[in-house]
Amino acid sequence: MIIDCHVHAGKIGEHYPEWWVKELYRVWGGVDQWTGGKKDLSVGERLVAQMDAHGIDKMCIMTSDHRRVYGRVKGPYTPNEFLLEVREAAPDRFALTCCVDPLRDVYEATLEVERCIRDEGYDACKIYPSYDHFDPRDERLFPLYEKFIELDIAVQIHMGWTPCMNAPMKYQYPHLLDDVALRYPEMKMVVCHLGWPWVDECMALIAKYDNIHADLAYWGWFTPEENLKVIERFGRLCGFDKLLFGSEN
């Protein structure tokens, strides 16, 4: 089975402002790279068509919540409930990753994660330190981490660079997760994007902790030769079983 573990589900203009998507993808081939040029289909239909075209058996789809950091300007926000609508297109082919912005209200965030996992059958949670302007070592997040452990789910964490200007680089370094993993070694983490461009730093982190993995989302824009070189080096240091495929669709 081939699984794409990193796919963003949402509508441009409704969940993702068009200016924001253009900013995000201006160095990655433009907005059509995100939609696959299939703007006339529903999100679920588009993703199923892309899976069929590329031999993908299942997708892990995720939401995002960046409202707080954009203030009065409408920022990107996809409600977690929207994934239930997307899943209707092919219930057996989607796994669901909810998202919370912990600093909106960490207590409400823990309740939302529990609701999604226990009541709606979601599979994981995603947090975005750089997009939502927080240090993952912040003690205010500890109740959320403890909820992940209680629910026995993985947390996907955006680490690494993004073209978005309102995403401070000081929160993008993979080594920020070292203190988190030291305090919560049982918490299952997936470091998104292999922490690019801090790839060696990310590999050192993953090699150190049993419960930290990484995905290769965004790496489809690099050359096959570069991907192969990195994958081989990752496998020798960390083990191939700790590297996941993700498209960043």
Protein backbone atom coordinates (compact mmCIF):
# COMPACT_ATOMS: atom_id res chain seq x y z
CA MET A 1 0.00 0.00 0.00
CA ILE A 2 1.27 3.48 -0.93
CA ILE A 3 0.24 6.20 1.51
CA ASP A 4 0.68 9.95 1.10
CA CYS A 5 0.91 11.15 4.69
CA HIS A 6 0.93 14.93 4.07
CA VAL A 7 -1.93 16.49 2.11
CA HIS A 8 -3.67 19.81 2.85
CA ALA A 9 -7.42 19.81 2.30
CA GLY A 10 -9.17 23.12 1.80
CA LYS A 11 -10.68 25.50 -0.73
CA ILE A 12 -8.78 28.45 -2.14
CA GLY A 13 -10.75 31.60 -1.43
CA GLU A 14 -12.72 30.01 1.41
CA HIS A 15 -10.20 28.32 3.67
CA TYR A 16 -6.99 29.61 2.12
CA PRO A 17 -6.91 33.23 0.91
CA GLU A 18 -5.69 33.29 -2.67
CA TRP A 19 -2.95 35.81 -1.85
CA TRP A 20 -1.64 33.46 0.83
CA VAL A 21 -1.54 30.41 -1.46
CA LYS A 22 0.26 32.44 -4.12
CA GLU A 23 2.80 33.56 -1.51
CA LEU A 24 3.27 29.99 -0.31
CA TYR A 25 3.72 28.44 -3.75
CA ARG A 26 5.47 31.21 -5.63
CA VAL A 27 8.80 29.33 -5.40
CA TRP A 28 7.25 25.87 -5.89
CA GLY A 29 5.63 26.21 -9.30
CA GLY A 30 2.55 28.33 -8.62
CA VAL A 31 -0.98 27.74 -7.39
CA ASP A 32 -1.72 25.02 -9.97
CA GLN A 33 0.85 22.84 -8.20
CA TRP A 34 -1.51 22.86 -5.22
CA THR A 35 -4.77 22.28 -7.11
CA GLY A 36 -3.33 19.99 -9.77
CA GLY A 37 -5.21 22.18 -12.24
CA LYS A 38 -8.49 20.48 -11.21
CA LYS A 39 -10.38 23.50 -9.92
CA ASP A 40 -13.78 22.32 -11.15
CA LEU A 41 -13.94 19.35 -8.76
CA SER A 42 -14.74 19.21 -5.08
CA VAL A 43 -11.72 18.85 -2.80
CA GLY A 44 -12.52 15.19 -2.18
CA GLU A 45 -13.02 14.46 -5.88
CA ARG A 46 -9.79 16.25 -6.78
CA LEU A 47 -7.76 14.31 -4.25
CA VAL A 48 -9.24 10.98 -5.34
CA ALA A 49 -8.44 11.83 -8.98
CA GLN A 50 -4.87 12.65 -8.02
CA MET A 51 -4.52 9.41 -6.05
CA ASP A 52 -5.79 7.42 -9.02
CA ALA A 53 -3.49 9.24 -11.44
CA HIS A 54 -0.36 8.66 -9.35
CA GLY A 55 -0.93 5.22 -7.84
CA ILE A 56 -1.65 6.41 -4.30
CA ASP A 57 -3.83 4.08 -2.24
CA LYS A 58 -4.57 6.38 0.68
CA MET A 59 -4.04 9.99 1.76
CA CYS A 60 -3.68 11.52 5.18
CA ILE A 61 -5.43 14.89 4.86
CA MET A 62 -5.00 17.76 7.29
CA THR A 63 -6.35 21.17 8.22
CA SER A 64 -4.71 24.37 9.47
CA ASP A 65 -5.61 27.27 11.74
CA HIS A 66 -3.54 30.45 11.37
CA ARG A 67 -6.22 33.00 12.27
CA ARG A 68 -4.56 34.34 15.42
CA VAL A 69 -1.31 35.52 13.85
CA TYR A 70 -2.95 37.50 11.04
CA GLY A 71 -5.05 39.73 13.28
CA ARG A 72 -7.67 41.71 11.37
CA VAL A 73 -6.53 40.27 8.02
CA LYS A 74 -8.33 37.02 7.21
CA GLY A 75 -5.75 34.30 7.68
CA PRO A 76 -5.81 30.68 6.56
CA TYR A 77 -8.26 28.51 8.47
CA THR A 78 -9.81 25.16 7.59
CA PRO A 79 -12.22 23.84 10.23
CA ASN A 80 -11.53 20.28 11.28
CA GLU A 81 -15.09 19.34 10.39
CA PHE A 82 -14.36 20.04 6.73
CA LEU A 83 -12.31 16.83 6.56
CA LEU A 84 -15.46 14.82 7.23
CA GLU A 85 -16.95 16.31 4.07
CA VAL A 86 -13.81 15.52 2.07
CA ARG A 87 -13.76 11.94 3.35
CA GLU A 88 -17.25 11.33 1.96
CA ALA A 89 -15.78 11.18 -1.55
CA ALA A 90 -14.02 7.91 -0.69
CA PRO A 91 -14.26 6.94 3.00
CA ASP A 92 -11.74 4.10 2.79
CA ARG A 93 -9.04 6.20 1.15
CA PHE A 94 -8.61 9.04 3.62
CA ALA A 95 -7.06 9.24 7.07
CA LEU A 96 -7.75 12.47 8.95
CA THR A 97 -5.34 14.78 10.79
CA CYS A 98 -6.96 17.53 12.83
CA CYS A 99 -5.17 20.79 13.60
CA VAL A 100 -5.14 23.15 16.57
CA ASP A 101 -3.40 26.43 17.29
CA PRO A 102 -2.37 25.82 20.92
CA LEU A 103 -1.93 29.47 21.83
CA ARG A 104 -5.50 30.41 20.96
CA ASP A 105 -6.46 28.46 24.08
CA VAL A 106 -4.51 25.36 25.08
CA TYR A 107 -7.39 23.96 27.15
CA GLU A 108 -9.81 24.29 24.22
CA ALA A 109 -7.14 22.80 21.95
CA THR A 110 -6.90 19.66 24.08
CA LEU A 111 -10.68 19.31 24.09
CA GLU A 112 -10.80 19.73 20.31
CA VAL A 113 -8.16 17.06 19.76
CA GLU A 114 -9.97 14.65 22.06
CA ARG A 115 -13.28 15.34 20.29
CA CYS A 116 -11.78 14.72 16.87
CA ILE A 117 -10.01 11.52 17.88
CA ARG A 118 -12.59 9.93 20.16
CA ASP A 119 -15.84 11.12 18.58
CA GLU A 120 -15.06 11.56 14.88
CA GLY A 121 -12.41 8.92 14.22
CA TYR A 122 -9.53 11.21 13.29
CA ASP A 123 -6.10 9.60 13.30
CA ALA A 124 -3.52 12.28 14.20
CA CYS A 125 -2.99 15.98 14.93
CA LYS A 126 -0.91 18.68 13.21
CA ILE A 127 0.70 21.74 14.80
CA TYR A 128 2.56 24.56 13.06
CA PRO A 129 5.15 26.33 15.27
CA SER A 130 6.41 28.78 12.65
CA TYR A 131 3.04 29.57 11.07
CA ASP A 132 1.43 30.08 14.48
CA HIS A 133 4.41 31.82 16.10
CA PHE A 134 5.26 29.55 19.00
CA ASP A 135 8.27 27.70 20.28
CA PRO A 136 7.43 23.98 20.61
CA ARG A 137 9.34 24.00 23.93
CA ASP A 138 6.83 26.45 25.42
CA GLU A 139 5.52 25.00 28.69
CA ARG A 140 2.01 26.17 27.81
CA LEU A 141 1.90 23.32 25.26
CA PHE A 142 2.63 20.58 27.79
CA PRO A 143 -1.07 19.74 28.46
CA LEU A 144 -1.54 19.27 24.71
CA TYR A 145 1.47 16.97 24.46
CA GLU A 146 0.15 14.96 27.36
CA LYS A 147 -3.18 14.62 25.57
CA PHE A 148 -1.41 13.25 22.48
CA ILE A 149 0.25 10.63 24.68
CA GLU A 150 -3.02 9.78 26.45
CA LEU A 151 -4.79 9.30 23.10
CA ASP A 152 -1.79 7.39 21.69
CA ILE A 153 -1.70 9.39 18.47
CA ALA A 154 1.09 10.87 16.39
CA VAL A 155 1.57 14.62 16.11
CA GLN A 156 2.77 15.96 12.77
CA ILE A 157 4.87 19.08 13.31
CA HIS A 158 5.78 21.57 10.62
CA MET A 159 9.49 22.19 11.02
CA GLY A 160 11.67 23.76 8.35
CA TRP A 161 11.40 26.63 5.95
CA THR A 162 8.34 28.14 4.33
CA PRO A 163 8.09 30.98 1.79
CA CYS A 164 5.34 32.61 3.88
CA MET A 165 6.67 35.89 5.25
CA ASN A 166 4.56 35.80 8.42
CA ALA A 167 6.30 32.63 9.66
CA PRO A 168 9.36 33.44 11.81
CA MET A 169 12.39 31.32 10.99
CA LYS A 170 13.41 31.15 14.65
CA TYR A 171 10.63 28.58 15.15
CA GLN A 172 11.64 26.39 12.20
CA TYR A 173 14.73 24.58 13.50
CA PRO A 174 14.35 20.83 14.17
CA HIS A 175 16.59 21.00 17.24
CA LEU A 176 13.76 22.81 19.07
CA LEU A 177 12.11 19.40 19.42
CA ASP A 178 15.06 17.96 21.33
CA ASP A 179 13.88 19.30 24.69
CA VAL A 180 10.31 18.21 23.90
CA ALA A 181 11.37 14.64 23.13
CA LEU A 182 13.59 14.53 26.19
CA ARG A 183 10.62 15.45 28.40
CA TYR A 184 8.10 13.30 26.48
CA PRO A 185 10.06 10.41 24.90
CA GLU A 186 6.86 8.39 24.49
CA MET A 187 5.20 11.05 22.30
CA LYS A 188 5.04 10.01 18.65
CA MET A 189 6.24 12.83 16.40
CA VAL A 190 6.56 13.23 12.64
CA VAL A 191 8.86 16.08 11.64
CA CYS A 192 7.42 17.41 8.41
CA HIS A 193 9.58 18.27 5.41
CA LEU A 194 12.61 16.57 6.99
CA GLY A 195 13.26 20.00 8.48
CA TRP A 196 14.61 21.38 5.18
CA PRO A 197 17.07 23.11 4.87
CA TRP A 198 18.29 21.88 8.28
CA VAL A 199 18.31 18.28 7.10
CA ASP A 200 21.39 17.06 8.95
CA GLU A 201 20.08 18.60 12.16
CA CYS A 202 16.77 16.81 11.64
CA MET A 203 18.48 13.47 10.98
CA ALA A 204 20.52 13.84 14.16
CA LEU A 205 17.30 14.42 16.11
CA ILE A 206 15.53 11.41 14.59
CA ALA A 207 18.50 9.11 15.11
CA LYS A 208 18.49 10.06 18.79
CA TYR A 209 14.85 9.25 19.63
CA ASP A 210 12.87 6.10 18.86
CA ASN A 211 9.50 7.86 18.53
CA ILE A 212 10.49 10.62 16.09
CA HIS A 213 9.97 10.10 12.36
CA ALA A 214 10.05 12.44 9.36
CA ASP A 215 8.25 12.96 6.08
CA LEU A 216 9.50 14.14 2.70
CA ALA A 217 6.68 16.58 1.93
CA TYR A 218 7.81 19.31 -0.50
CA TRP A 219 10.75 17.21 -1.69
CA GLY A 220 8.98 16.40 -4.95
CA TRP A 221 10.25 19.73 -6.26
CA PHE A 222 13.87 18.65 -5.84
CA THR A 223 15.74 16.44 -8.32
CA PRO A 224 15.52 12.63 -8.12
CA GLU A 225 19.28 12.54 -7.59
CA GLU A 226 19.04 14.84 -4.57
CA ASN A 227 16.16 12.86 -3.11
CA LEU A 228 17.96 9.54 -3.53
CA LYS A 229 21.12 10.87 -1.91
CA VAL A 230 19.22 12.14 1.12
CA ILE A 231 17.09 9.01 1.46
CA GLU A 232 20.16 6.77 1.39
CA ARG A 233 21.90 8.88 4.02
CA PHE A 234 18.76 8.96 6.16
CA GLY A 235 18.42 5.19 5.97
CA ARG A 236 21.99 4.58 7.08
CA LEU A 237 21.69 6.90 10.07
CA CYS A 238 18.05 6.64 11.14
CA GLY A 239 16.60 3.58 9.39
CA PHE A 240 14.37 3.63 6.33
CA ASP A 241 11.33 2.71 8.45
CA LYS A 242 11.39 6.17 10.04
CA LEU A 243 10.94 8.09 6.77
CA LEU A 244 7.45 8.68 5.36
CA PHE A 245 6.28 9.76 1.93
CA GLY A 246 4.34 13.02 1.80
CA SER A 247 3.51 15.11 -1.25
CA GLU A 248 2.51 18.48 0.30
CA ASN A 249 -0.42 18.40 -2.09
